N, C-alpha and C. Protein backbone atom coordinates (compact mmCIF):
# COMPACT_ATOMS: atom_id res chain seq x y z
N MET A 1 214.31 -45.75 -26.22
CA MET A 1 214.71 -44.39 -25.86
C MET A 1 215.78 -43.90 -26.82
N LYS A 2 215.50 -42.84 -27.50
CA LYS A 2 216.44 -42.29 -28.47
C LYS A 2 217.43 -41.40 -27.76
N THR A 3 218.72 -41.63 -27.96
CA THR A 3 219.74 -40.84 -27.28
C THR A 3 220.83 -40.42 -28.24
N ILE A 4 221.55 -39.40 -27.82
CA ILE A 4 222.75 -38.99 -28.53
C ILE A 4 223.83 -38.81 -27.49
N THR A 5 225.02 -39.33 -27.71
CA THR A 5 226.08 -39.33 -26.72
C THR A 5 227.24 -38.46 -27.19
N THR A 6 227.81 -37.70 -26.27
CA THR A 6 228.97 -36.88 -26.61
C THR A 6 229.83 -36.70 -25.38
N THR A 7 231.08 -36.31 -25.58
CA THR A 7 231.98 -36.00 -24.48
C THR A 7 232.18 -34.51 -24.43
N LEU A 8 232.08 -33.93 -23.23
CA LEU A 8 232.13 -32.49 -23.08
C LEU A 8 233.44 -32.07 -22.45
N ALA A 9 234.29 -31.41 -23.24
CA ALA A 9 235.52 -30.83 -22.70
C ALA A 9 235.18 -29.41 -22.33
N ALA A 10 234.77 -29.20 -21.07
CA ALA A 10 234.18 -27.92 -20.71
C ALA A 10 234.69 -27.44 -19.37
N SER A 11 234.47 -26.15 -19.11
CA SER A 11 234.83 -25.56 -17.84
C SER A 11 233.80 -24.52 -17.47
N ALA A 12 233.37 -24.51 -16.22
CA ALA A 12 232.39 -23.53 -15.79
C ALA A 12 232.97 -22.13 -15.80
N ALA A 13 234.28 -22.02 -15.77
CA ALA A 13 234.89 -20.69 -15.70
C ALA A 13 234.56 -19.83 -16.91
N VAL A 14 234.25 -20.45 -18.06
CA VAL A 14 233.99 -19.66 -19.25
C VAL A 14 232.69 -18.89 -19.13
N LEU A 15 231.91 -19.17 -18.10
CA LEU A 15 230.63 -18.47 -17.94
C LEU A 15 230.80 -17.07 -17.38
N LEU A 16 231.95 -16.76 -16.84
CA LEU A 16 232.14 -15.43 -16.26
C LEU A 16 231.87 -14.36 -17.30
N GLY A 17 231.00 -13.44 -16.99
CA GLY A 17 230.70 -12.36 -17.91
C GLY A 17 229.50 -12.61 -18.78
N VAL A 18 228.88 -13.82 -18.70
CA VAL A 18 227.69 -14.07 -19.51
C VAL A 18 226.54 -13.25 -18.97
N VAL A 19 225.86 -12.55 -19.85
CA VAL A 19 224.72 -11.74 -19.47
C VAL A 19 223.55 -12.14 -20.33
N PRO A 20 222.34 -12.30 -19.77
CA PRO A 20 221.18 -12.63 -20.59
C PRO A 20 221.01 -11.66 -21.73
N ALA A 21 220.65 -12.18 -22.92
CA ALA A 21 220.58 -11.36 -24.12
C ALA A 21 219.66 -10.18 -23.98
N ALA A 22 218.63 -10.30 -23.13
CA ALA A 22 217.64 -9.23 -23.02
C ALA A 22 218.23 -7.94 -22.47
N GLN A 23 219.42 -8.00 -21.84
CA GLN A 23 220.00 -6.81 -21.26
C GLN A 23 220.83 -6.01 -22.27
N ALA A 24 221.04 -6.54 -23.44
CA ALA A 24 221.80 -5.82 -24.47
C ALA A 24 220.84 -5.29 -25.51
N HIS A 25 221.27 -4.26 -26.25
CA HIS A 25 220.41 -3.65 -27.26
C HIS A 25 220.57 -4.32 -28.62
N VAL A 26 221.65 -5.06 -28.82
CA VAL A 26 221.81 -5.89 -30.01
C VAL A 26 221.81 -7.32 -29.50
N THR A 27 220.79 -8.09 -29.87
CA THR A 27 220.62 -9.43 -29.31
C THR A 27 220.36 -10.45 -30.41
N PHE A 28 220.60 -11.70 -30.10
CA PHE A 28 220.30 -12.79 -31.02
C PHE A 28 218.91 -13.34 -30.74
N VAL A 29 218.18 -13.66 -31.82
CA VAL A 29 216.85 -14.26 -31.67
C VAL A 29 216.96 -15.56 -30.88
N ASP A 30 217.93 -16.39 -31.24
CA ASP A 30 218.22 -17.63 -30.51
C ASP A 30 219.68 -17.54 -30.08
N ASN A 31 219.93 -17.50 -28.78
CA ASN A 31 221.31 -17.29 -28.33
C ASN A 31 222.02 -18.58 -27.95
N THR A 32 221.50 -19.74 -28.39
CA THR A 32 222.20 -21.01 -28.20
C THR A 32 222.42 -21.67 -29.55
N ALA A 33 223.59 -22.28 -29.73
CA ALA A 33 223.94 -22.92 -30.99
C ALA A 33 224.61 -24.26 -30.71
N ASP A 34 224.29 -25.27 -31.53
CA ASP A 34 224.85 -26.61 -31.34
C ASP A 34 226.31 -26.67 -31.75
N ALA A 35 227.13 -27.25 -30.91
CA ALA A 35 228.56 -27.37 -31.17
C ALA A 35 228.82 -28.17 -32.45
N GLY A 36 229.71 -27.65 -33.30
CA GLY A 36 230.14 -28.35 -34.49
C GLY A 36 229.15 -28.34 -35.64
N ARG A 37 228.03 -27.66 -35.51
CA ARG A 37 227.00 -27.65 -36.54
C ARG A 37 226.95 -26.31 -37.27
N SER A 38 226.37 -26.32 -38.47
CA SER A 38 226.10 -25.08 -39.19
C SER A 38 224.94 -24.36 -38.50
N PHE A 39 225.04 -23.05 -38.39
CA PHE A 39 224.04 -22.29 -37.63
C PHE A 39 223.78 -20.97 -38.33
N VAL A 40 222.51 -20.59 -38.41
CA VAL A 40 222.12 -19.28 -38.94
C VAL A 40 221.74 -18.39 -37.77
N ALA A 41 222.53 -17.37 -37.53
CA ALA A 41 222.28 -16.44 -36.43
C ALA A 41 221.51 -15.23 -36.94
N SER A 42 220.55 -14.79 -36.15
CA SER A 42 219.78 -13.59 -36.47
C SER A 42 219.94 -12.60 -35.33
N ALA A 43 220.54 -11.45 -35.64
CA ALA A 43 220.77 -10.41 -34.64
C ALA A 43 219.70 -9.33 -34.76
N ASN A 44 219.09 -8.99 -33.65
CA ASN A 44 218.08 -7.93 -33.63
C ASN A 44 218.71 -6.58 -33.31
N ILE A 45 218.40 -5.58 -34.13
CA ILE A 45 218.78 -4.19 -33.84
C ILE A 45 217.48 -3.50 -33.44
N SER A 46 217.26 -3.38 -32.15
CA SER A 46 215.93 -2.97 -31.67
C SER A 46 215.66 -1.49 -31.86
N HIS A 47 216.71 -0.66 -31.80
CA HIS A 47 216.51 0.77 -32.02
C HIS A 47 217.82 1.44 -32.38
N GLY A 48 217.74 2.72 -32.77
CA GLY A 48 218.92 3.45 -33.18
C GLY A 48 219.64 4.11 -32.02
N CYS A 49 220.05 5.36 -32.20
CA CYS A 49 220.81 6.09 -31.19
C CYS A 49 219.99 7.25 -30.63
N GLU A 50 220.24 7.58 -29.40
CA GLU A 50 219.56 8.70 -28.77
C GLU A 50 220.57 9.81 -28.50
N ALA A 51 220.14 11.04 -28.73
CA ALA A 51 220.96 12.22 -28.42
C ALA A 51 220.03 13.24 -27.78
N GLY A 52 220.00 13.25 -26.46
CA GLY A 52 219.05 14.11 -25.77
C GLY A 52 217.64 13.62 -26.00
N ALA A 53 216.79 14.53 -26.46
CA ALA A 53 215.40 14.16 -26.74
C ALA A 53 215.23 13.60 -28.15
N ASN A 54 216.30 13.63 -28.95
CA ASN A 54 216.23 13.18 -30.34
C ASN A 54 216.58 11.70 -30.46
N GLN A 55 215.95 11.05 -31.43
CA GLN A 55 216.24 9.66 -31.73
C GLN A 55 216.61 9.55 -33.21
N PHE A 56 217.68 8.81 -33.49
CA PHE A 56 218.19 8.72 -34.85
C PHE A 56 218.25 7.27 -35.29
N ASP A 57 217.89 7.04 -36.54
CA ASP A 57 217.82 5.69 -37.08
C ASP A 57 219.22 5.11 -37.33
N THR A 58 219.32 3.78 -37.32
CA THR A 58 220.58 3.10 -37.59
C THR A 58 220.95 3.23 -39.07
N TYR A 59 222.23 3.50 -39.31
CA TYR A 59 222.75 3.67 -40.67
C TYR A 59 223.71 2.55 -41.05
N LYS A 60 224.46 2.05 -40.07
CA LYS A 60 225.50 1.06 -40.36
C LYS A 60 225.74 0.20 -39.12
N VAL A 61 225.99 -1.10 -39.33
CA VAL A 61 226.33 -2.01 -38.24
C VAL A 61 227.57 -2.80 -38.63
N VAL A 62 228.56 -2.82 -37.75
CA VAL A 62 229.78 -3.60 -37.95
C VAL A 62 229.88 -4.61 -36.82
N MET A 63 229.90 -5.89 -37.17
CA MET A 63 229.97 -6.96 -36.16
C MET A 63 231.27 -7.74 -36.33
N GLU A 64 232.06 -7.78 -35.27
CA GLU A 64 233.34 -8.47 -35.31
C GLU A 64 233.15 -9.97 -35.07
N LEU A 65 233.85 -10.78 -35.87
CA LEU A 65 233.77 -12.23 -35.74
C LEU A 65 234.78 -12.71 -34.69
N PRO A 66 234.38 -13.62 -33.82
CA PRO A 66 235.33 -14.20 -32.86
C PRO A 66 236.46 -14.92 -33.59
N THR A 67 237.58 -15.06 -32.94
CA THR A 67 238.73 -15.74 -33.53
C THR A 67 238.36 -17.15 -33.98
N GLY A 68 238.72 -17.49 -35.22
CA GLY A 68 238.46 -18.81 -35.74
C GLY A 68 237.10 -19.01 -36.37
N VAL A 69 236.28 -17.98 -36.38
CA VAL A 69 234.94 -18.08 -36.96
C VAL A 69 234.89 -17.35 -38.29
N ALA A 70 234.42 -18.04 -39.32
CA ALA A 70 234.19 -17.43 -40.63
C ALA A 70 232.70 -17.49 -40.92
N ALA A 71 232.14 -16.40 -41.41
CA ALA A 71 230.69 -16.34 -41.60
C ALA A 71 230.33 -15.76 -42.96
N ARG A 72 229.11 -16.06 -43.38
CA ARG A 72 228.54 -15.52 -44.62
C ARG A 72 227.28 -14.72 -44.26
N PRO A 73 227.38 -13.40 -44.25
CA PRO A 73 226.19 -12.59 -43.94
C PRO A 73 225.29 -12.45 -45.16
N VAL A 74 224.03 -12.13 -44.93
CA VAL A 74 223.09 -11.90 -46.02
C VAL A 74 222.59 -10.46 -45.95
N HIS A 75 222.12 -9.95 -47.09
CA HIS A 75 221.60 -8.59 -47.13
C HIS A 75 220.36 -8.49 -46.25
N SER A 76 220.10 -7.29 -45.75
CA SER A 76 218.94 -7.07 -44.90
C SER A 76 218.23 -5.80 -45.35
N THR A 77 217.13 -5.50 -44.69
CA THR A 77 216.40 -4.26 -44.99
C THR A 77 217.20 -3.03 -44.58
N LEU A 78 218.19 -3.22 -43.70
CA LEU A 78 219.06 -2.09 -43.35
C LEU A 78 219.93 -1.71 -44.53
N GLY A 79 220.46 -2.73 -45.22
CA GLY A 79 221.34 -2.46 -46.36
C GLY A 79 222.09 -3.72 -46.75
N ASN A 80 222.94 -3.59 -47.76
CA ASN A 80 223.70 -4.72 -48.24
C ASN A 80 224.76 -5.16 -47.22
N ALA A 81 225.09 -6.45 -47.26
CA ALA A 81 226.07 -7.00 -46.34
C ALA A 81 227.38 -7.28 -47.07
N LYS A 82 228.49 -7.23 -46.33
CA LYS A 82 229.79 -7.60 -46.88
C LYS A 82 230.70 -8.02 -45.74
N VAL A 83 231.77 -8.75 -46.10
CA VAL A 83 232.77 -9.17 -45.13
C VAL A 83 234.02 -8.34 -45.37
N VAL A 84 234.50 -7.70 -44.32
CA VAL A 84 235.71 -6.88 -44.39
C VAL A 84 236.66 -7.37 -43.30
N GLY A 85 237.69 -8.10 -43.71
CA GLY A 85 238.61 -8.65 -42.72
C GLY A 85 237.89 -9.61 -41.80
N ASN A 86 237.94 -9.34 -40.49
CA ASN A 86 237.27 -10.21 -39.52
C ASN A 86 235.93 -9.63 -39.07
N THR A 87 235.36 -8.76 -39.93
CA THR A 87 234.08 -8.15 -39.57
C THR A 87 233.03 -8.38 -40.64
N MET A 88 231.78 -8.32 -40.23
CA MET A 88 230.65 -8.28 -41.14
C MET A 88 230.06 -6.88 -41.07
N VAL A 89 229.75 -6.32 -42.24
CA VAL A 89 229.28 -4.93 -42.29
C VAL A 89 227.95 -4.88 -43.03
N TRP A 90 226.97 -4.25 -42.41
CA TRP A 90 225.71 -3.93 -43.07
C TRP A 90 225.59 -2.41 -43.13
N GLU A 91 225.38 -1.87 -44.33
CA GLU A 91 225.35 -0.41 -44.49
C GLU A 91 224.33 -0.03 -45.55
N ARG A 92 223.65 1.05 -45.32
CA ARG A 92 222.67 1.52 -46.31
C ARG A 92 223.35 1.81 -47.63
N SER A 93 222.75 1.33 -48.70
CA SER A 93 223.30 1.60 -50.02
C SER A 93 222.91 3.00 -50.48
N ALA A 94 221.82 3.53 -49.96
CA ALA A 94 221.39 4.89 -50.28
C ALA A 94 221.90 5.85 -49.20
N PRO A 95 222.13 7.12 -49.56
CA PRO A 95 222.59 8.08 -48.55
C PRO A 95 221.51 8.32 -47.49
N PRO A 96 221.90 8.74 -46.29
CA PRO A 96 220.90 9.02 -45.25
C PRO A 96 219.99 10.17 -45.66
N LEU A 97 218.85 10.24 -45.02
CA LEU A 97 217.90 11.29 -45.34
C LEU A 97 218.48 12.66 -45.00
N ALA A 98 218.05 13.66 -45.74
CA ALA A 98 218.54 15.03 -45.50
C ALA A 98 218.03 15.56 -44.17
N THR A 99 216.86 15.14 -43.79
CA THR A 99 216.31 15.53 -42.49
C THR A 99 216.31 14.33 -41.57
N VAL A 100 216.45 14.58 -40.29
CA VAL A 100 216.53 13.50 -39.32
C VAL A 100 215.14 12.94 -39.06
N ALA A 101 214.99 11.66 -39.27
CA ALA A 101 213.72 11.00 -39.00
C ALA A 101 213.75 10.37 -37.62
N ASP A 102 212.59 10.23 -37.02
CA ASP A 102 212.52 9.52 -35.74
C ASP A 102 212.97 8.09 -35.91
N ASP A 103 213.50 7.52 -34.85
CA ASP A 103 213.92 6.13 -34.86
C ASP A 103 212.66 5.27 -34.73
N THR A 104 212.19 4.73 -35.85
CA THR A 104 210.94 3.96 -35.84
C THR A 104 211.10 2.55 -36.38
N LEU A 105 212.31 2.18 -36.84
CA LEU A 105 212.48 0.90 -37.53
C LEU A 105 213.25 -0.12 -36.69
N PHE A 106 212.93 -1.37 -36.96
CA PHE A 106 213.57 -2.52 -36.31
C PHE A 106 214.26 -3.33 -37.42
N TYR A 107 215.51 -3.73 -37.19
CA TYR A 107 216.25 -4.46 -38.21
C TYR A 107 216.68 -5.83 -37.69
N GLN A 108 216.81 -6.78 -38.62
CA GLN A 108 217.32 -8.10 -38.28
C GLN A 108 218.45 -8.44 -39.26
N LEU A 109 219.60 -8.81 -38.70
CA LEU A 109 220.79 -9.10 -39.50
C LEU A 109 221.13 -10.57 -39.36
N ASP A 110 221.20 -11.28 -40.49
CA ASP A 110 221.42 -12.72 -40.47
C ASP A 110 222.78 -13.09 -41.05
N PHE A 111 223.37 -14.14 -40.51
CA PHE A 111 224.60 -14.69 -41.07
C PHE A 111 224.70 -16.17 -40.71
N ARG A 112 225.46 -16.90 -41.52
CA ARG A 112 225.62 -18.34 -41.33
C ARG A 112 227.08 -18.67 -41.07
N PHE A 113 227.32 -19.62 -40.15
CA PHE A 113 228.69 -20.05 -39.87
C PHE A 113 228.66 -21.43 -39.22
N THR A 114 229.83 -22.06 -39.17
CA THR A 114 229.97 -23.34 -38.49
C THR A 114 230.40 -23.09 -37.05
N VAL A 115 229.63 -23.59 -36.13
CA VAL A 115 229.89 -23.36 -34.71
C VAL A 115 231.11 -24.18 -34.27
N PRO A 116 232.07 -23.59 -33.58
CA PRO A 116 233.20 -24.38 -33.08
C PRO A 116 232.71 -25.53 -32.20
N ASN A 117 233.40 -26.65 -32.27
CA ASN A 117 233.01 -27.82 -31.48
C ASN A 117 233.53 -27.69 -30.05
N LEU A 118 233.01 -26.70 -29.35
CA LEU A 118 233.47 -26.40 -27.99
C LEU A 118 232.26 -26.18 -27.08
N PRO A 119 231.58 -27.26 -26.70
CA PRO A 119 230.41 -27.11 -25.82
C PRO A 119 230.75 -26.39 -24.53
N PHE A 120 229.79 -25.66 -24.01
CA PHE A 120 229.91 -24.92 -22.76
C PHE A 120 230.90 -23.76 -22.83
N THR A 121 231.06 -23.20 -24.02
CA THR A 121 231.79 -21.95 -24.16
C THR A 121 230.86 -20.95 -24.83
N LYS A 122 231.31 -19.73 -25.01
CA LYS A 122 230.46 -18.70 -25.61
C LYS A 122 231.22 -17.98 -26.70
N LEU A 123 230.46 -17.42 -27.63
CA LEU A 123 231.01 -16.59 -28.70
C LEU A 123 230.47 -15.18 -28.53
N THR A 124 231.37 -14.22 -28.44
CA THR A 124 230.97 -12.83 -28.25
C THR A 124 231.26 -12.04 -29.52
N PHE A 125 230.27 -11.31 -30.00
CA PHE A 125 230.38 -10.55 -31.24
C PHE A 125 230.34 -9.05 -30.93
N ARG A 126 231.52 -8.46 -30.79
CA ARG A 126 231.58 -7.01 -30.53
C ARG A 126 230.95 -6.27 -31.70
N THR A 127 230.02 -5.37 -31.42
CA THR A 127 229.23 -4.74 -32.47
C THR A 127 229.24 -3.23 -32.32
N THR A 128 229.47 -2.55 -33.45
CA THR A 128 229.41 -1.08 -33.49
C THR A 128 228.24 -0.65 -34.35
N GLN A 129 227.38 0.16 -33.79
CA GLN A 129 226.17 0.64 -34.45
C GLN A 129 226.32 2.14 -34.71
N THR A 130 226.22 2.54 -35.98
CA THR A 130 226.33 3.96 -36.35
C THR A 130 224.97 4.45 -36.81
N CYS A 131 224.61 5.67 -36.39
CA CYS A 131 223.30 6.21 -36.71
C CYS A 131 223.39 7.40 -37.66
N THR A 132 222.24 7.85 -38.13
CA THR A 132 222.19 8.89 -39.17
C THR A 132 222.76 10.22 -38.71
N ASN A 133 222.88 10.44 -37.41
CA ASN A 133 223.47 11.69 -36.92
C ASN A 133 224.98 11.56 -36.74
N GLY A 134 225.55 10.40 -37.12
CA GLY A 134 226.99 10.18 -36.96
C GLY A 134 227.36 9.62 -35.61
N GLY A 135 226.40 9.52 -34.71
CA GLY A 135 226.67 8.96 -33.40
C GLY A 135 226.85 7.45 -33.47
N THR A 136 227.57 6.90 -32.51
CA THR A 136 227.81 5.45 -32.50
C THR A 136 227.51 4.86 -31.13
N GLN A 137 227.13 3.61 -31.15
CA GLN A 137 226.99 2.81 -29.94
C GLN A 137 227.88 1.59 -30.13
N VAL A 138 228.72 1.29 -29.16
CA VAL A 138 229.58 0.11 -29.22
C VAL A 138 229.10 -0.88 -28.17
N TRP A 139 228.70 -2.06 -28.63
CA TRP A 139 228.23 -3.10 -27.73
C TRP A 139 229.36 -4.11 -27.57
N GLU A 140 229.97 -4.14 -26.39
CA GLU A 140 231.11 -5.01 -26.14
C GLU A 140 231.05 -5.53 -24.71
N GLY A 141 231.95 -6.45 -24.39
CA GLY A 141 231.96 -7.01 -23.04
C GLY A 141 230.64 -7.67 -22.71
N VAL A 142 230.11 -7.39 -21.52
CA VAL A 142 228.86 -8.02 -21.09
C VAL A 142 227.66 -7.52 -21.88
N ASP A 143 227.80 -6.40 -22.60
CA ASP A 143 226.69 -5.87 -23.39
C ASP A 143 226.70 -6.36 -24.84
N ALA A 144 227.73 -7.08 -25.24
CA ALA A 144 227.83 -7.55 -26.62
C ALA A 144 226.86 -8.69 -26.87
N PRO A 145 226.35 -8.83 -28.10
CA PRO A 145 225.53 -10.01 -28.42
C PRO A 145 226.38 -11.26 -28.30
N THR A 146 225.83 -12.28 -27.64
CA THR A 146 226.59 -13.48 -27.30
C THR A 146 225.81 -14.74 -27.64
N LEU A 147 226.51 -15.74 -28.16
CA LEU A 147 225.92 -17.06 -28.41
C LEU A 147 226.55 -18.07 -27.45
N LEU A 148 225.72 -18.88 -26.84
CA LEU A 148 226.19 -19.97 -25.99
C LEU A 148 226.27 -21.24 -26.83
N ILE A 149 227.40 -21.94 -26.76
CA ILE A 149 227.58 -23.19 -27.50
C ILE A 149 227.14 -24.35 -26.61
N VAL A 150 226.14 -25.08 -27.09
CA VAL A 150 225.60 -26.20 -26.32
C VAL A 150 225.93 -27.51 -27.03
N PRO A 151 225.98 -28.63 -26.29
CA PRO A 151 226.24 -29.92 -26.94
C PRO A 151 225.09 -30.29 -27.87
N VAL A 152 225.41 -30.99 -28.94
CA VAL A 152 224.39 -31.45 -29.88
C VAL A 152 223.39 -32.34 -29.14
N HIS A 153 222.11 -32.16 -29.44
CA HIS A 153 221.11 -32.96 -28.76
C HIS A 153 219.93 -33.26 -29.68
N VAL A 154 219.13 -34.23 -29.29
CA VAL A 154 217.91 -34.59 -29.99
C VAL A 154 216.76 -34.51 -29.00
N ASN A 155 215.53 -34.51 -29.51
CA ASN A 155 214.37 -34.58 -28.63
C ASN A 155 214.38 -35.93 -27.92
N GLY A 156 214.15 -35.91 -26.64
CA GLY A 156 214.24 -37.12 -25.84
C GLY A 156 215.46 -37.09 -24.95
N TRP A 157 215.93 -38.26 -24.54
CA TRP A 157 217.05 -38.34 -23.61
C TRP A 157 218.39 -38.30 -24.35
N ASN A 158 219.33 -37.54 -23.80
CA ASN A 158 220.68 -37.42 -24.34
C ASN A 158 221.67 -37.78 -23.25
N LYS A 159 222.68 -38.56 -23.60
CA LYS A 159 223.69 -38.98 -22.64
C LYS A 159 225.00 -38.23 -22.88
N TYR A 160 225.54 -37.64 -21.80
CA TYR A 160 226.78 -36.87 -21.90
C TYR A 160 227.77 -37.33 -20.84
N THR A 161 229.06 -37.07 -21.09
CA THR A 161 230.10 -37.28 -20.10
C THR A 161 230.85 -35.97 -19.91
N ALA A 162 230.93 -35.50 -18.69
CA ALA A 162 231.61 -34.23 -18.40
C ALA A 162 233.08 -34.49 -18.13
N GLN A 163 233.93 -33.88 -18.95
CA GLN A 163 235.37 -34.01 -18.71
C GLN A 163 235.86 -32.96 -17.73
N SER A 164 235.09 -31.90 -17.54
CA SER A 164 235.41 -30.89 -16.54
C SER A 164 234.18 -30.69 -15.66
N ALA A 165 234.41 -30.25 -14.44
CA ALA A 165 233.31 -30.07 -13.49
C ALA A 165 232.35 -28.98 -13.98
N LEU A 166 231.07 -29.23 -13.79
CA LEU A 166 230.03 -28.27 -14.16
C LEU A 166 229.33 -27.83 -12.88
N ASP A 167 229.37 -26.53 -12.60
CA ASP A 167 228.71 -26.05 -11.39
C ASP A 167 227.25 -25.72 -11.66
N ALA A 168 226.55 -25.26 -10.64
CA ALA A 168 225.12 -24.99 -10.76
C ALA A 168 224.83 -23.91 -11.78
N ALA A 169 225.68 -22.87 -11.84
CA ALA A 169 225.46 -21.79 -12.79
C ALA A 169 225.59 -22.28 -14.23
N THR A 170 226.58 -23.15 -14.47
CA THR A 170 226.77 -23.71 -15.81
C THR A 170 225.56 -24.54 -16.22
N ILE A 171 225.12 -25.41 -15.33
CA ILE A 171 223.96 -26.26 -15.62
C ILE A 171 222.73 -25.41 -15.92
N SER A 172 222.48 -24.43 -15.09
CA SER A 172 221.30 -23.58 -15.26
C SER A 172 221.35 -22.79 -16.56
N THR A 173 222.52 -22.27 -16.93
CA THR A 173 222.64 -21.44 -18.12
C THR A 173 222.53 -22.26 -19.41
N PHE A 174 223.24 -23.36 -19.47
CA PHE A 174 223.31 -24.10 -20.73
C PHE A 174 222.18 -25.11 -20.91
N PHE A 175 221.44 -25.41 -19.86
CA PHE A 175 220.31 -26.33 -19.98
C PHE A 175 218.99 -25.66 -19.59
N SER A 176 218.91 -24.37 -19.87
CA SER A 176 217.69 -23.63 -19.53
C SER A 176 216.49 -24.05 -20.36
N ASP A 177 216.75 -24.68 -21.54
CA ASP A 177 215.66 -25.11 -22.40
C ASP A 177 215.38 -26.61 -22.28
N ALA A 178 216.07 -27.29 -21.38
CA ALA A 178 215.87 -28.73 -21.20
C ALA A 178 214.72 -28.98 -20.22
N GLN A 179 214.07 -30.13 -20.39
CA GLN A 179 213.01 -30.49 -19.46
C GLN A 179 213.60 -30.88 -18.10
N ILE A 180 214.70 -31.65 -18.14
CA ILE A 180 215.32 -32.08 -16.89
C ILE A 180 216.75 -32.55 -17.15
N VAL A 181 217.62 -32.32 -16.17
CA VAL A 181 219.00 -32.81 -16.18
C VAL A 181 219.13 -33.77 -15.01
N TRP A 182 219.68 -34.97 -15.26
CA TRP A 182 219.70 -36.02 -14.24
C TRP A 182 221.11 -36.58 -14.08
N SER A 183 221.59 -36.65 -12.84
CA SER A 183 222.92 -37.21 -12.58
C SER A 183 222.99 -37.71 -11.14
N GLY A 184 223.39 -38.97 -10.98
CA GLY A 184 223.61 -39.52 -9.64
C GLY A 184 222.42 -39.43 -8.72
N GLY A 185 221.22 -39.60 -9.24
CA GLY A 185 220.03 -39.54 -8.40
C GLY A 185 219.56 -38.15 -8.06
N LYS A 186 220.22 -37.14 -8.64
CA LYS A 186 219.83 -35.75 -8.42
C LYS A 186 219.41 -35.13 -9.74
N ALA A 187 218.60 -34.08 -9.68
CA ALA A 187 218.04 -33.52 -10.91
C ALA A 187 217.96 -32.00 -10.85
N PHE A 188 217.92 -31.41 -12.06
CA PHE A 188 217.73 -29.96 -12.22
C PHE A 188 216.70 -29.73 -13.31
N SER A 189 215.86 -28.74 -13.13
CA SER A 189 214.94 -28.30 -14.18
C SER A 189 214.69 -26.81 -14.03
N SER A 190 214.64 -26.11 -15.18
CA SER A 190 214.33 -24.68 -15.15
C SER A 190 212.83 -24.46 -15.10
N ASN A 191 212.05 -25.53 -15.27
CA ASN A 191 210.59 -25.42 -15.18
C ASN A 191 210.19 -25.38 -13.71
N PRO A 192 209.54 -24.31 -13.25
CA PRO A 192 209.22 -24.18 -11.82
C PRO A 192 208.43 -25.36 -11.26
N ALA A 193 207.45 -25.86 -12.05
CA ALA A 193 206.63 -26.97 -11.56
C ALA A 193 207.46 -28.22 -11.39
N THR A 194 208.32 -28.51 -12.37
CA THR A 194 209.19 -29.69 -12.28
C THR A 194 210.20 -29.53 -11.15
N ALA A 195 210.77 -28.35 -11.05
CA ALA A 195 211.78 -28.10 -10.01
C ALA A 195 211.18 -28.29 -8.62
N ALA A 196 209.92 -27.90 -8.43
CA ALA A 196 209.28 -28.03 -7.13
C ALA A 196 209.10 -29.48 -6.72
N ALA A 197 209.06 -30.37 -7.71
CA ALA A 197 208.85 -31.79 -7.43
C ALA A 197 210.16 -32.55 -7.22
N ILE A 198 211.30 -31.86 -7.41
CA ILE A 198 212.60 -32.51 -7.26
C ILE A 198 213.00 -32.52 -5.79
N SER A 199 213.21 -33.73 -5.23
CA SER A 199 213.57 -33.83 -3.81
C SER A 199 215.08 -33.69 -3.58
N SER A 200 215.88 -34.04 -4.61
CA SER A 200 217.34 -33.93 -4.48
C SER A 200 217.87 -33.06 -5.62
N PRO A 201 218.01 -31.75 -5.42
CA PRO A 201 218.45 -30.85 -6.49
C PRO A 201 219.89 -31.14 -6.93
N LEU A 202 220.12 -31.01 -8.22
CA LEU A 202 221.45 -31.18 -8.79
C LEU A 202 222.17 -29.84 -8.76
N THR A 203 223.25 -29.75 -8.00
CA THR A 203 223.98 -28.49 -7.86
C THR A 203 225.35 -28.54 -8.53
N GLY A 204 225.71 -29.68 -9.08
CA GLY A 204 227.00 -29.78 -9.75
C GLY A 204 227.20 -31.17 -10.32
N ILE A 205 228.09 -31.24 -11.32
CA ILE A 205 228.44 -32.51 -11.95
C ILE A 205 229.96 -32.60 -11.97
N ALA A 206 230.50 -33.65 -11.43
CA ALA A 206 231.96 -33.80 -11.34
C ALA A 206 232.54 -34.23 -12.67
N ALA A 207 233.80 -33.89 -12.88
CA ALA A 207 234.50 -34.32 -14.09
C ALA A 207 234.48 -35.83 -14.18
N GLY A 208 234.14 -36.34 -15.38
CA GLY A 208 234.08 -37.77 -15.60
C GLY A 208 232.72 -38.39 -15.35
N ASP A 209 231.82 -37.65 -14.73
CA ASP A 209 230.48 -38.19 -14.46
C ASP A 209 229.64 -38.26 -15.73
N VAL A 210 228.84 -39.31 -15.83
CA VAL A 210 227.86 -39.43 -16.90
C VAL A 210 226.56 -38.80 -16.41
N PHE A 211 225.93 -37.99 -17.27
CA PHE A 211 224.63 -37.41 -16.90
C PHE A 211 223.70 -37.43 -18.10
N TRP A 212 222.41 -37.31 -17.81
CA TRP A 212 221.37 -37.40 -18.81
C TRP A 212 220.58 -36.11 -18.88
N VAL A 213 220.21 -35.73 -20.09
CA VAL A 213 219.42 -34.51 -20.28
C VAL A 213 218.26 -34.84 -21.22
N LYS A 214 217.06 -34.44 -20.82
CA LYS A 214 215.89 -34.66 -21.65
C LYS A 214 215.39 -33.33 -22.21
N TYR A 215 215.24 -33.29 -23.55
CA TYR A 215 214.70 -32.11 -24.24
C TYR A 215 213.30 -32.42 -24.74
C-alpha cells in the first residue's frame, strides 16, 4: 500500500466564508492546490459587464495576491500580463473598439506560484474586472475566486495526523475529491453510492487523531 504521511496544523474555523466556485463569476478551473507545492492556477472570466440590456466585453482584470504569495502570470488572449506591486494585471494591448461589441468572449488567465504549506486554509484573490464601457465588477469576500489548500497526497491511501479538530464541514469541503476518509472505524465519502454503504458516518476528527484518506 503506497502512502504519504503528513502532519496537519489546521482549524475548521478557516472555512467560514468559503463559497463553491460555481457561485462566483471569476472562478478557478481547479480550486484545490497541494500545500507547499508549485501550482499553476487558471482563472476563468466567464463574461463581461452588463448595463441594462447592454453587454460589454472585458478590457482589464486586476487580481490581488494574498499576503505572502508571489506569482508569475502569463499572457492571455485578453492581453499581456504584468505584476504591479501585490497585483497581477491583464490588459488589452490594443485600444478598445470604437463601437460597443456584445459580450461574446471567454477568457482564461493563468499564473504560477508556490502554495503556502498551510493545509486546510484558503487563499482568496480579490479581483477587479473592467469592461469596455468603463464599468467595473469587483469580486471580493465570498464572491472572490478562492483556492483551497489541501495536504499533499498520492493515488491510493494517505496517512495524516490532525493537530487541530476537523469538523464535518471541513472534511466534506477538503476531501470532496477523495474516495473515502477513514478514522476510528468511521468513514466519509462524497460519492453517494459509497456514502450509502457506510454504517458509521465520520462527522469529525479530534486533534491528534490519525486518519486515512484514499484518492
